[in-house]
Amino acid sequence: RAARYFGAGDRASAVREGVQASWLAVGLGVVFVVVVQAAAV
């Protein structure tokens, strides 16, 4: 997604893809920790 924006000359939109992906990363990472700790055994 970011590469298409970059190729079209819109670097700011490409970086914003990274911002939104990072929000997803934090949220999904916390969920993964909780689930694995609960179901580890």
Full PDB file with SEQRES, HELIX, SHEET, SSBOND, CRYST1, ORIGX, SCALE, CONECT and MASTER records, all heavy atoms in Angstrom:
SEQRES   1 A   41  ARG ALA ALA ARG TYR PHE GLY ALA GLY ASP ARG ALA SER          
SEQRES   2 A   41  ALA VAL ARG GLU GLY VAL GLN ALA SER TRP LEU ALA VAL          
SEQRES   3 A   41  GLY LEU GLY VAL VAL PHE VAL VAL VAL VAL GLN ALA ALA          
SEQRES   4 A   41  ALA VAL                                                      
HELIX    1 AA1 ALA A    2  GLY A    7  1                                   6    
HELIX    2 AA2 ARG A   11  ALA A   39  1                                  29    
CRYST1    1.000    1.000    1.000  90.00  90.00  90.00 P 1           1          
ORIGX1      1.000000  0.000000  0.000000        0.00000                         
ORIGX2      0.000000  1.000000  0.000000        0.00000                         
ORIGX3      0.000000  0.000000  1.000000        0.00000                         
SCALE1      1.000000  0.000000  0.000000        0.00000                         
SCALE2      0.000000  1.000000  0.000000        0.00000                         
SCALE3      0.000000  0.000000  1.000000        0.00000                         
ATOM      1  N   ARG A   1       0.833  -1.211   0.000  1.00  0.00           N  
ATOM      2  CA  ARG A   1       0.000   0.000   0.000  1.00  0.00           C  
ATOM      3  C   ARG A   1       0.866   1.259   0.000  1.00  0.00           C  
ATOM      4  O   ARG A   1       0.602   2.216  -0.740  1.00  0.00           O  
ATOM      5  CB  ARG A   1      -0.941  -0.015   1.197  1.00  0.00           C  
ATOM      6  CG  ARG A   1      -2.051  -1.062   1.081  1.00  0.00           C  
ATOM      7  CD  ARG A   1      -2.933  -1.085   2.330  1.00  0.00           C  
ATOM      8  NE  ARG A   1      -3.491   0.224   2.617  1.00  0.00           N  
ATOM      9  CZ  ARG A   1      -4.575   0.748   2.052  1.00  0.00           C  
ATOM     10  NH1 ARG A   1      -5.225   0.043   1.121  1.00  0.00           N  
ATOM     11  NH2 ARG A   1      -5.024   1.941   2.383  1.00  0.00           N  
ATOM     12  N   ALA A   2       1.900   1.278   0.840  1.00  0.00           N  
ATOM     13  CA  ALA A   2       2.757   2.466   0.913  1.00  0.00           C  
ATOM     14  C   ALA A   2       3.508   2.692  -0.398  1.00  0.00           C  
ATOM     15  O   ALA A   2       3.685   3.833  -0.838  1.00  0.00           O  
ATOM     16  CB  ALA A   2       3.742   2.331   2.070  1.00  0.00           C  
ATOM     17  N   ALA A   3       3.944   1.617  -1.044  1.00  0.00           N  
ATOM     18  CA  ALA A   3       4.712   1.751  -2.279  1.00  0.00           C  
ATOM     19  C   ALA A   3       3.877   2.366  -3.395  1.00  0.00           C  
ATOM     20  O   ALA A   3       4.391   3.154  -4.212  1.00  0.00           O  
ATOM     21  CB  ALA A   3       5.241   0.386  -2.721  1.00  0.00           C  
ATOM     22  N   ARG A   4       2.602   2.039  -3.451  1.00  0.00           N  
ATOM     23  CA  ARG A   4       1.743   2.623  -4.487  1.00  0.00           C  
ATOM     24  C   ARG A   4       1.609   4.136  -4.291  1.00  0.00           C  
ATOM     25  O   ARG A   4       1.656   4.906  -5.245  1.00  0.00           O  
ATOM     26  CB  ARG A   4       0.377   1.947  -4.494  1.00  0.00           C  
ATOM     27  CG  ARG A   4       0.402   0.568  -5.160  1.00  0.00           C  
ATOM     28  CD  ARG A   4      -0.982  -0.043  -5.253  1.00  0.00           C  
ATOM     29  NE  ARG A   4      -0.926  -1.362  -5.855  1.00  0.00           N  
ATOM     30  CZ  ARG A   4      -1.265  -1.641  -7.103  1.00  0.00           C  
ATOM     31  NH1 ARG A   4      -1.641  -0.672  -7.918  1.00  0.00           N  
ATOM     32  NH2 ARG A   4      -1.217  -2.882  -7.561  1.00  0.00           N  
ATOM     33  N   TYR A   5       1.423   4.564  -3.040  1.00  0.00           N  
ATOM     34  CA  TYR A   5       1.357   6.006  -2.769  1.00  0.00           C  
ATOM     35  C   TYR A   5       2.691   6.678  -3.110  1.00  0.00           C  
ATOM     36  O   TYR A   5       2.730   7.762  -3.689  1.00  0.00           O  
ATOM     37  CB  TYR A   5       1.016   6.259  -1.308  1.00  0.00           C  
ATOM     38  CG  TYR A   5      -0.455   6.107  -0.983  1.00  0.00           C  
ATOM     39  CD1 TYR A   5      -0.910   5.092  -0.148  1.00  0.00           C  
ATOM     40  CD2 TYR A   5      -1.393   6.989  -1.516  1.00  0.00           C  
ATOM     41  CE1 TYR A   5      -2.256   4.947   0.150  1.00  0.00           C  
ATOM     42  CE2 TYR A   5      -2.745   6.850  -1.228  1.00  0.00           C  
ATOM     43  CZ  TYR A   5      -3.168   5.827  -0.398  1.00  0.00           C  
ATOM     44  OH  TYR A   5      -4.510   5.696  -0.113  1.00  0.00           O  
ATOM     45  N   PHE A   6       3.777   6.024  -2.736  1.00  0.00           N  
ATOM     46  CA  PHE A   6       5.101   6.591  -3.006  1.00  0.00           C  
ATOM     47  C   PHE A   6       5.341   6.717  -4.506  1.00  0.00           C  
ATOM     48  O   PHE A   6       5.867   7.734  -4.994  1.00  0.00           O  
ATOM     49  CB  PHE A   6       6.173   5.716  -2.361  1.00  0.00           C  
ATOM     50  CG  PHE A   6       7.567   6.273  -2.471  1.00  0.00           C  
ATOM     51  CD1 PHE A   6       7.962   7.362  -1.711  1.00  0.00           C  
ATOM     52  CD2 PHE A   6       8.488   5.703  -3.336  1.00  0.00           C  
ATOM     53  CE1 PHE A   6       9.242   7.877  -1.814  1.00  0.00           C  
ATOM     54  CE2 PHE A   6       9.777   6.211  -3.438  1.00  0.00           C  
ATOM     55  CZ  PHE A   6      10.152   7.305  -2.674  1.00  0.00           C  
ATOM     56  N   GLY A   7       4.957   5.695  -5.270  1.00  0.00           N  
ATOM     57  CA  GLY A   7       5.109   5.739  -6.718  1.00  0.00           C  
ATOM     58  C   GLY A   7       4.265   6.829  -7.358  1.00  0.00           C  
ATOM     59  O   GLY A   7       4.646   7.396  -8.385  1.00  0.00           O  
ATOM     60  N   ALA A   8       3.126   7.133  -6.722  1.00  0.00           N  
ATOM     61  CA  ALA A   8       2.251   8.185  -7.226  1.00  0.00           C  
ATOM     62  C   ALA A   8       2.688   9.574  -6.759  1.00  0.00           C  
ATOM     63  O   ALA A   8       2.016  10.563  -7.060  1.00  0.00           O  
ATOM     64  CB  ALA A   8       0.818   7.927  -6.795  1.00  0.00           C  
ATOM     65  N   GLY A   9       3.791   9.658  -6.010  1.00  0.00           N  
ATOM     66  CA  GLY A   9       4.314  10.954  -5.568  1.00  0.00           C  
ATOM     67  C   GLY A   9       3.738  11.466  -4.261  1.00  0.00           C  
ATOM     68  O   GLY A   9       3.916  12.648  -3.937  1.00  0.00           O  
ATOM     69  N   ASP A  10       3.076  10.622  -3.474  1.00  0.00           N  
ATOM     70  CA  ASP A  10       2.440  11.050  -2.220  1.00  0.00           C  
ATOM     71  C   ASP A  10       3.118  10.349  -1.042  1.00  0.00           C  
ATOM     72  O   ASP A  10       2.581   9.392  -0.481  1.00  0.00           O  
ATOM     73  CB  ASP A  10       0.949  10.738  -2.267  1.00  0.00           C  
ATOM     74  CG  ASP A  10       0.172  11.335  -1.095  1.00  0.00           C  
ATOM     75  OD1 ASP A  10       0.810  11.923  -0.192  1.00  0.00           O  
ATOM     76  OD2 ASP A  10      -1.068  11.209  -1.076  1.00  0.00           O  
ATOM     77  N   ARG A  11       4.302  10.826  -0.647  1.00  0.00           N  
ATOM     78  CA  ARG A  11       5.059  10.196   0.432  1.00  0.00           C  
ATOM     79  C   ARG A  11       4.330  10.283   1.770  1.00  0.00           C  
ATOM     80  O   ARG A  11       4.384   9.356   2.583  1.00  0.00           O  
ATOM     81  CB  ARG A  11       6.447  10.829   0.561  1.00  0.00           C  
ATOM     82  CG  ARG A  11       7.354  10.096   1.556  1.00  0.00           C  
ATOM     83  CD  ARG A  11       8.703  10.773   1.710  1.00  0.00           C  
ATOM     84  NE  ARG A  11       9.610   9.966   2.501  1.00  0.00           N  
ATOM     85  CZ  ARG A  11       9.605   9.907   3.833  1.00  0.00           C  
ATOM     86  NH1 ARG A  11       8.718  10.621   4.522  1.00  0.00           N  
ATOM     87  NH2 ARG A  11      10.458   9.134   4.481  1.00  0.00           N  
ATOM     88  N   ALA A  12       3.653  11.401   2.033  1.00  0.00           N  
ATOM     89  CA  ALA A  12       2.958  11.572   3.309  1.00  0.00           C  
ATOM     90  C   ALA A  12       1.911  10.482   3.515  1.00  0.00           C  
ATOM     91  O   ALA A  12       1.787   9.915   4.610  1.00  0.00           O  
ATOM     92  CB  ALA A  12       2.308  12.953   3.380  1.00  0.00           C  
ATOM     93  N   SER A  13       1.153  10.172   2.475  1.00  0.00           N  
ATOM     94  CA  SER A  13       0.159   9.101   2.594  1.00  0.00           C  
ATOM     95  C   SER A  13       0.829   7.745   2.789  1.00  0.00           C  
ATOM     96  O   SER A  13       0.298   6.872   3.493  1.00  0.00           O  
ATOM     97  CB  SER A  13      -0.729   9.071   1.341  1.00  0.00           C  
ATOM     98  OG  SER A  13      -1.537  10.220   1.274  1.00  0.00           O  
ATOM     99  N   ALA A  14       1.988   7.563   2.176  1.00  0.00           N  
ATOM    100  CA  ALA A  14       2.733   6.314   2.374  1.00  0.00           C  
ATOM    101  C   ALA A  14       3.137   6.156   3.829  1.00  0.00           C  
ATOM    102  O   ALA A  14       3.011   5.066   4.407  1.00  0.00           O  
ATOM    103  CB  ALA A  14       3.959   6.293   1.471  1.00  0.00           C  
ATOM    104  N   VAL A  15       3.616   7.235   4.453  1.00  0.00           N  
ATOM    105  CA  VAL A  15       4.016   7.174   5.860  1.00  0.00           C  
ATOM    106  C   VAL A  15       2.798   6.960   6.758  1.00  0.00           C  
ATOM    107  O   VAL A  15       2.872   6.235   7.759  1.00  0.00           O  
ATOM    108  CB  VAL A  15       4.774   8.452   6.261  1.00  0.00           C  
ATOM    109  CG1 VAL A  15       5.097   8.434   7.752  1.00  0.00           C  
ATOM    110  CG2 VAL A  15       6.062   8.585   5.446  1.00  0.00           C  
ATOM    111  N   ARG A  16       1.672   7.578   6.398  1.00  0.00           N  
ATOM    112  CA  ARG A  16       0.454   7.381   7.205  1.00  0.00           C  
ATOM    113  C   ARG A  16       0.020   5.920   7.220  1.00  0.00           C  
ATOM    114  O   ARG A  16      -0.595   5.461   8.189  1.00  0.00           O  
ATOM    115  CB  ARG A  16      -0.667   8.276   6.682  1.00  0.00           C  
ATOM    116  CG  ARG A  16      -0.525   9.735   7.131  1.00  0.00           C  
ATOM    117  CD  ARG A  16      -1.810  10.513   6.904  1.00  0.00           C  
ATOM    118  NE  ARG A  16      -2.039  10.770   5.486  1.00  0.00           N  
ATOM    119  CZ  ARG A  16      -1.610  11.842   4.843  1.00  0.00           C  
ATOM    120  NH1 ARG A  16      -0.901  12.764   5.490  1.00  0.00           N  
ATOM    121  NH2 ARG A  16      -1.869  12.010   3.560  1.00  0.00           N  
ATOM    122  N   GLU A  17       0.327   5.192   6.144  1.00  0.00           N  
ATOM    123  CA  GLU A  17       0.070   3.740   6.168  1.00  0.00           C  
ATOM    124  C   GLU A  17       0.871   3.086   7.291  1.00  0.00           C  
ATOM    125  O   GLU A  17       0.400   2.163   7.968  1.00  0.00           O  
ATOM    126  CB  GLU A  17       0.442   3.113   4.828  1.00  0.00           C  
ATOM    127  CG  GLU A  17      -0.450   3.516   3.664  1.00  0.00           C  
ATOM    128  CD  GLU A  17      -1.843   2.937   3.767  1.00  0.00           C  
ATOM    129  OE1 GLU A  17      -2.010   1.850   4.359  1.00  0.00           O  
ATOM    130  OE2 GLU A  17      -2.783   3.580   3.237  1.00  0.00           O  
ATOM    131  N   GLY A  18       2.098   3.573   7.510  1.00  0.00           N  
ATOM    132  CA  GLY A  18       2.924   3.044   8.594  1.00  0.00           C  
ATOM    133  C   GLY A  18       2.369   3.374   9.958  1.00  0.00           C  
ATOM    134  O   GLY A  18       2.427   2.553  10.888  1.00  0.00           O  
ATOM    135  N   VAL A  19       1.804   4.571  10.111  1.00  0.00           N  
ATOM    136  CA  VAL A  19       1.195   4.958  11.388  1.00  0.00           C  
ATOM    137  C   VAL A  19       0.047   4.023  11.734  1.00  0.00           C  
ATOM    138  O   VAL A  19      -0.053   3.498  12.858  1.00  0.00           O  
ATOM    139  CB  VAL A  19       0.700   6.419  11.331  1.00  0.00           C  
ATOM    140  CG1 VAL A  19      -0.111   6.756  12.584  1.00  0.00           C  
ATOM    141  CG2 VAL A  19       1.872   7.392  11.178  1.00  0.00           C  
ATOM    142  N   GLN A  20      -0.834   3.803  10.769  1.00  0.00           N  
ATOM    143  CA  GLN A  20      -1.996   2.946  11.033  1.00  0.00           C  
ATOM    144  C   GLN A  20      -1.576   1.491  11.271  1.00  0.00           C  
ATOM    145  O   GLN A  20      -2.139   0.801  12.126  1.00  0.00           O  
ATOM    146  CB  GLN A  20      -2.995   3.044   9.875  1.00  0.00           C  
ATOM    147  CG  GLN A  20      -3.464   4.459   9.586  1.00  0.00           C  
ATOM    148  CD  GLN A  20      -3.924   5.199  10.833  1.00  0.00           C  
ATOM    149  OE1 GLN A  20      -4.694   4.669  11.633  1.00  0.00           O  
ATOM    150  NE2 GLN A  20      -3.453   6.432  11.001  1.00  0.00           N  
ATOM    151  N   ALA A  21      -0.578   1.031  10.517  1.00  0.00           N  
ATOM    152  CA  ALA A  21      -0.077  -0.330  10.734  1.00  0.00           C  
ATOM    153  C   ALA A  21       0.525  -0.473  12.125  1.00  0.00           C  
ATOM    154  O   ALA A  21       0.415  -1.541  12.762  1.00  0.00           O  
ATOM    155  CB  ALA A  21       0.953  -0.683   9.663  1.00  0.00           C  
ATOM    156  N   SER A  22       1.145   0.595  12.629  1.00  0.00           N  
ATOM    157  CA  SER A  22       1.749   0.544  13.963  1.00  0.00           C  
ATOM    158  C   SER A  22       0.686   0.499  15.055  1.00  0.00           C  
ATOM    159  O   SER A  22       0.864  -0.167  16.085  1.00  0.00           O  
ATOM    160  CB  SER A  22       2.668   1.752  14.163  1.00  0.00           C  
ATOM    161  OG  SER A  22       3.740   1.713  13.243  1.00  0.00           O  
ATOM    162  N   TRP A  23      -0.434   1.217  14.846  1.00  0.00           N  
ATOM    163  CA  TRP A  23      -1.549   1.092  15.793  1.00  0.00           C  
ATOM    164  C   TRP A  23      -2.050  -0.346  15.845  1.00  0.00           C  
ATOM    165  O   TRP A  23      -2.321  -0.896  16.928  1.00  0.00           O  
ATOM    166  CB  TRP A  23      -2.687   2.031  15.395  1.00  0.00           C  
ATOM    167  CG  TRP A  23      -2.511   3.462  15.822  1.00  0.00           C  
ATOM    168  CD1 TRP A  23      -2.306   4.541  15.017  1.00  0.00           C  
ATOM    169  CD2 TRP A  23      -2.521   3.959  17.165  1.00  0.00           C  
ATOM    170  NE1 TRP A  23      -2.181   5.688  15.770  1.00  0.00           N  
ATOM    171  CE2 TRP A  23      -2.313   5.358  17.093  1.00  0.00           C  
ATOM    172  CE3 TRP A  23      -2.686   3.372  18.408  1.00  0.00           C  
ATOM    173  CZ2 TRP A  23      -2.271   6.175  18.220  1.00  0.00           C  
ATOM    174  CZ3 TRP A  23      -2.641   4.173  19.548  1.00  0.00           C  
ATOM    175  CH2 TRP A  23      -2.434   5.552  19.446  1.00  0.00           C  
ATOM    176  N   LEU A  24      -2.192  -0.947  14.672  1.00  0.00           N  
ATOM    177  CA  LEU A  24      -2.606  -2.350  14.633  1.00  0.00           C  
ATOM    178  C   LEU A  24      -1.593  -3.242  15.343  1.00  0.00           C  
ATOM    179  O   LEU A  24      -1.966  -4.183  16.063  1.00  0.00           O  
ATOM    180  CB  LEU A  24      -2.758  -2.815  13.180  1.00  0.00           C  
ATOM    181  CG  LEU A  24      -4.012  -2.388  12.420  1.00  0.00           C  
ATOM    182  CD1 LEU A  24      -3.926  -2.859  10.970  1.00  0.00           C  
ATOM    183  CD2 LEU A  24      -5.261  -2.953  13.086  1.00  0.00           C  
ATOM    184  N   ALA A  25      -0.317  -2.953  15.152  1.00  0.00           N  
ATOM    185  CA  ALA A  25       0.735  -3.772  15.744  1.00  0.00           C  
ATOM    186  C   ALA A  25       0.651  -3.792  17.264  1.00  0.00           C  
ATOM    187  O   ALA A  25       0.733  -4.860  17.894  1.00  0.00           O  
ATOM    188  CB  ALA A  25       2.107  -3.249  15.297  1.00  0.00           C  
ATOM    189  N   VAL A  26       0.486  -2.630  17.856  1.00  0.00           N  
ATOM    190  CA  VAL A  26       0.424  -2.555  19.318  1.00  0.00           C  
ATOM    191  C   VAL A  26      -0.803  -3.292  19.841  1.00  0.00           C  
ATOM    192  O   VAL A  26      -0.725  -4.097  20.786  1.00  0.00           O  
ATOM    193  CB  VAL A  26       0.420  -1.086  19.778  1.00  0.00           C  
ATOM    194  CG1 VAL A  26       0.169  -1.002  21.280  1.00  0.00           C  
ATOM    195  CG2 VAL A  26       1.740  -0.414  19.435  1.00  0.00           C  
ATOM    196  N   GLY A  27      -1.963  -3.034  19.235  1.00  0.00           N  
ATOM    197  CA  GLY A  27      -3.187  -3.677  19.701  1.00  0.00           C  
ATOM    198  C   GLY A  27      -3.152  -5.183  19.559  1.00  0.00           C  
ATOM    199  O   GLY A  27      -3.483  -5.920  20.502  1.00  0.00           O  
ATOM    200  N   LEU A  28      -2.740  -5.658  18.396  1.00  0.00           N  
ATOM    201  CA  LEU A  28      -2.695  -7.101  18.170  1.00  0.00           C  
ATOM    202  C   LEU A  28      -1.613  -7.764  19.019  1.00  0.00           C  
ATOM    203  O   LEU A  28      -1.780  -8.906  19.468  1.00  0.00           O  
ATOM    204  CB  LEU A  28      -2.442  -7.383  16.689  1.00  0.00           C  
ATOM    205  CG  LEU A  28      -3.581  -6.987  15.740  1.00  0.00           C  
ATOM    206  CD1 LEU A  28      -3.137  -7.124  14.286  1.00  0.00           C  
ATOM    207  CD2 LEU A  28      -4.814  -7.839  15.989  1.00  0.00           C  
ATOM    208  N   GLY A  29      -0.511  -7.058  19.250  1.00  0.00           N  
ATOM    209  CA  GLY A  29       0.552  -7.610  20.088  1.00  0.00           C  
ATOM    210  C   GLY A  29       0.095  -7.839  21.516  1.00  0.00           C  
ATOM    211  O   GLY A  29       0.393  -8.878  22.123  1.00  0.00           O  
ATOM    212  N   VAL A  30      -0.646  -6.890  22.070  1.00  0.00           N  
ATOM    213  CA  VAL A  30      -1.160  -7.042  23.441  1.00  0.00           C  
ATOM    214  C   VAL A  30      -2.136  -8.214  23.518  1.00  0.00           C  
ATOM    215  O   VAL A  30      -2.095  -9.023  24.455  1.00  0.00           O  
ATOM    216  CB  VAL A  30      -1.836  -5.737  23.909  1.00  0.00           C  
ATOM    217  CG1 VAL A  30      -2.576  -5.955  25.226  1.00  0.00           C  
ATOM    218  CG2 VAL A  30      -0.792  -4.630  24.067  1.00  0.00           C  
ATOM    219  N   VAL A  31      -2.997  -8.319  22.526  1.00  0.00           N  
ATOM    220  CA  VAL A  31      -3.948  -9.439  22.493  1.00  0.00           C  
ATOM    221  C   VAL A  31      -3.209 -10.774  22.440  1.00  0.00           C  
ATOM    222  O   VAL A  31      -3.566 -11.738  23.155  1.00  0.00           O  
ATOM    223  CB  VAL A  31      -4.895  -9.307  21.284  1.00  0.00           C  
ATOM    224  CG1 VAL A  31      -5.728 -10.584  21.100  1.00  0.00           C  
ATOM    225  CG2 VAL A  31      -5.809  -8.109  21.458  1.00  0.00           C  
ATOM    226  N   PHE A  32      -2.169 -10.859  21.629  1.00  0.00           N  
ATOM    227  CA  PHE A  32      -1.411 -12.101  21.510  1.00  0.00           C  
ATOM    228  C   PHE A  32      -0.766 -12.486  22.839  1.00  0.00           C  
ATOM    229  O   PHE A  32      -0.789 -13.662  23.236  1.00  0.00           O  
ATOM    230  CB  PHE A  32      -0.335 -11.948  20.432  1.00  0.00           C  
ATOM    231  CG  PHE A  32       0.373 -13.222  20.092  1.00  0.00           C  
ATOM    232  CD1 PHE A  32      -0.135 -14.087  19.154  1.00  0.00           C  
ATOM    233  CD2 PHE A  32       1.568 -13.558  20.715  1.00  0.00           C  
ATOM    234  CE1 PHE A  32       0.518 -15.274  18.833  1.00  0.00           C  
ATOM    235  CE2 PHE A  32       2.231 -14.737  20.408  1.00  0.00           C  
ATOM    236  CZ  PHE A  32       1.705 -15.593  19.471  1.00  0.00           C  
ATOM    237  N   VAL A  33      -0.210 -11.501  23.553  1.00  0.00           N  
ATOM    238  CA  VAL A  33       0.408 -11.785  24.850  1.00  0.00           C  
ATOM    239  C   VAL A  33      -0.618 -12.364  25.812  1.00  0.00           C  
ATOM    240  O   VAL A  33      -0.368 -13.380  26.481  1.00  0.00           O  
ATOM    241  CB  VAL A  33       1.034 -10.502  25.442  1.00  0.00           C  
ATOM    242  CG1 VAL A  33       1.464 -10.748  26.892  1.00  0.00           C  
ATOM    243  CG2 VAL A  33       2.236 -10.065  24.625  1.00  0.00           C  
ATOM    244  N   VAL A  34      -1.781 -11.741  25.903  1.00  0.00           N  
ATOM    245  CA  VAL A  34      -2.822 -12.188  26.839  1.00  0.00           C  
ATOM    246  C   VAL A  34      -3.286 -13.604  26.500  1.00  0.00           C  
ATOM    247  O   VAL A  34      -3.404 -14.472  27.380  1.00  0.00           O  
ATOM    248  CB  VAL A  34      -4.005 -11.205  26.816  1.00  0.00           C  
ATOM    249  CG1 VAL A  34      -5.175 -11.761  27.635  1.00  0.00           C  
ATOM    250  CG2 VAL A  34      -3.581  -9.847  27.373  1.00  0.00           C  
ATOM    251  N   VAL A  35      -3.530 -13.854  25.225  1.00  0.00           N  
ATOM    252  CA  VAL A  35      -4.033 -15.164  24.803  1.00  0.00           C  
ATOM    253  C   VAL A  35      -3.011 -16.265  25.062  1.00  0.00           C  
ATOM    254  O   VAL A  35      -3.336 -17.326  25.614  1.00  0.00           O  
ATOM    255  CB  VAL A  35      -4.427 -15.133  23.312  1.00  0.00           C  
ATOM    256  CG1 VAL A  35      -4.726 -16.542  22.802  1.00  0.00           C  
ATOM    257  CG2 VAL A  35      -5.633 -14.235  23.097  1.00  0.00           C  
ATOM    258  N   VAL A  36      -1.758 -16.026  24.699  1.00  0.00           N  
ATOM    259  CA  VAL A  36      -0.729 -17.061  24.868  1.00  0.00           C  
ATOM    260  C   VAL A  36      -0.452 -17.320  26.341  1.00  0.00           C  
ATOM    261  O   VAL A  36      -0.305 -18.475  26.763  1.00  0.00           O  
ATOM    262  CB  VAL A  36       0.561 -16.673  24.119  1.00  0.00           C  
ATOM    263  CG1 VAL A  36       1.695 -17.628  24.477  1.00  0.00           C  
ATOM    264  CG2 VAL A  36       0.316 -16.700  22.621  1.00  0.00           C  
ATOM    265  N   GLN A  37      -0.388 -16.268  27.163  1.00  0.00           N  
ATOM    266  CA  GLN A  37      -0.156 -16.484  28.592  1.00  0.00           C  
ATOM    267  C   GLN A  37      -1.293 -17.300  29.211  1.00  0.00           C  
ATOM    268  O   GLN A  37      -1.061 -18.174  30.055  1.00  0.00           O  
ATOM    269  CB  GLN A  37      -0.019 -15.145  29.318  1.00  0.00           C  
ATOM    270  CG  GLN A  37       1.239 -14.361  28.974  1.00  0.00           C  
ATOM    271  CD  GLN A  37       2.505 -14.972  29.569  1.00  0.00           C  
ATOM    272  OE1 GLN A  37       2.508 -16.069  30.102  1.00  0.00           O  
ATOM    273  NE2 GLN A  37       3.616 -14.243  29.443  1.00  0.00           N  
ATOM    274  N   ALA A  38      -2.525 -17.038  28.775  1.00  0.00           N  
ATOM    275  CA  ALA A  38      -3.666 -17.760  29.336  1.00  0.00           C  
ATOM    276  C   ALA A  38      -3.713 -19.212  28.868  1.00  0.00           C  
ATOM    277  O   ALA A  38      -4.115 -20.111  29.624  1.00  0.00           O  
ATOM    278  CB  ALA A  38      -4.963 -17.050  28.951  1.00  0.00           C  
ATOM    279  N   ALA A  39      -3.294 -19.455  27.620  1.00  0.00           N  
ATOM    280  CA  ALA A  39      -3.414 -20.796  27.049  1.00  0.00           C  
ATOM    281  C   ALA A  39      -2.084 -21.516  26.924  1.00  0.00           C  
ATOM    282  O   ALA A  39      -1.991 -22.547  26.254  1.00  0.00           O  
ATOM    283  CB  ALA A  39      -4.061 -20.692  25.665  1.00  0.00           C  
ATOM    284  N   ALA A  40      -1.043 -21.026  27.601  1.00  0.00           N  
ATOM    285  CA  ALA A  40       0.305 -21.567  27.412  1.00  0.00           C  
ATOM    286  C   ALA A  40       0.397 -23.058  27.724  1.00  0.00           C  
ATOM    287  O   ALA A  40       0.991 -23.824  26.949  1.00  0.00           O  
ATOM    288  CB  ALA A  40       1.302 -20.783  28.268  1.00  0.00           C  
ATOM    289  N   VAL A  41      -0.172 -23.485  28.835  1.00  0.00           N  
ATOM    290  CA  VAL A  41      -0.024 -24.884  29.256  1.00  0.00           C  
ATOM    291  C   VAL A  41      -0.679 -25.844  28.267  1.00  0.00           C  
ATOM    292  O   VAL A  41      -0.020 -26.771  27.757  1.00  0.00           O  
ATOM    293  CB  VAL A  41      -0.565 -25.083  30.685  1.00  0.00           C  
ATOM    294  CG1 VAL A  41      -0.561 -26.574  31.047  1.00  0.00           C  
ATOM    295  CG2 VAL A  41       0.277 -24.299  31.683  1.00  0.00           C  
TER     296      VAL A  41                                                      
MASTER        0    0    0    2    0    0    0    6  295    1    0    4          
END                                                                             
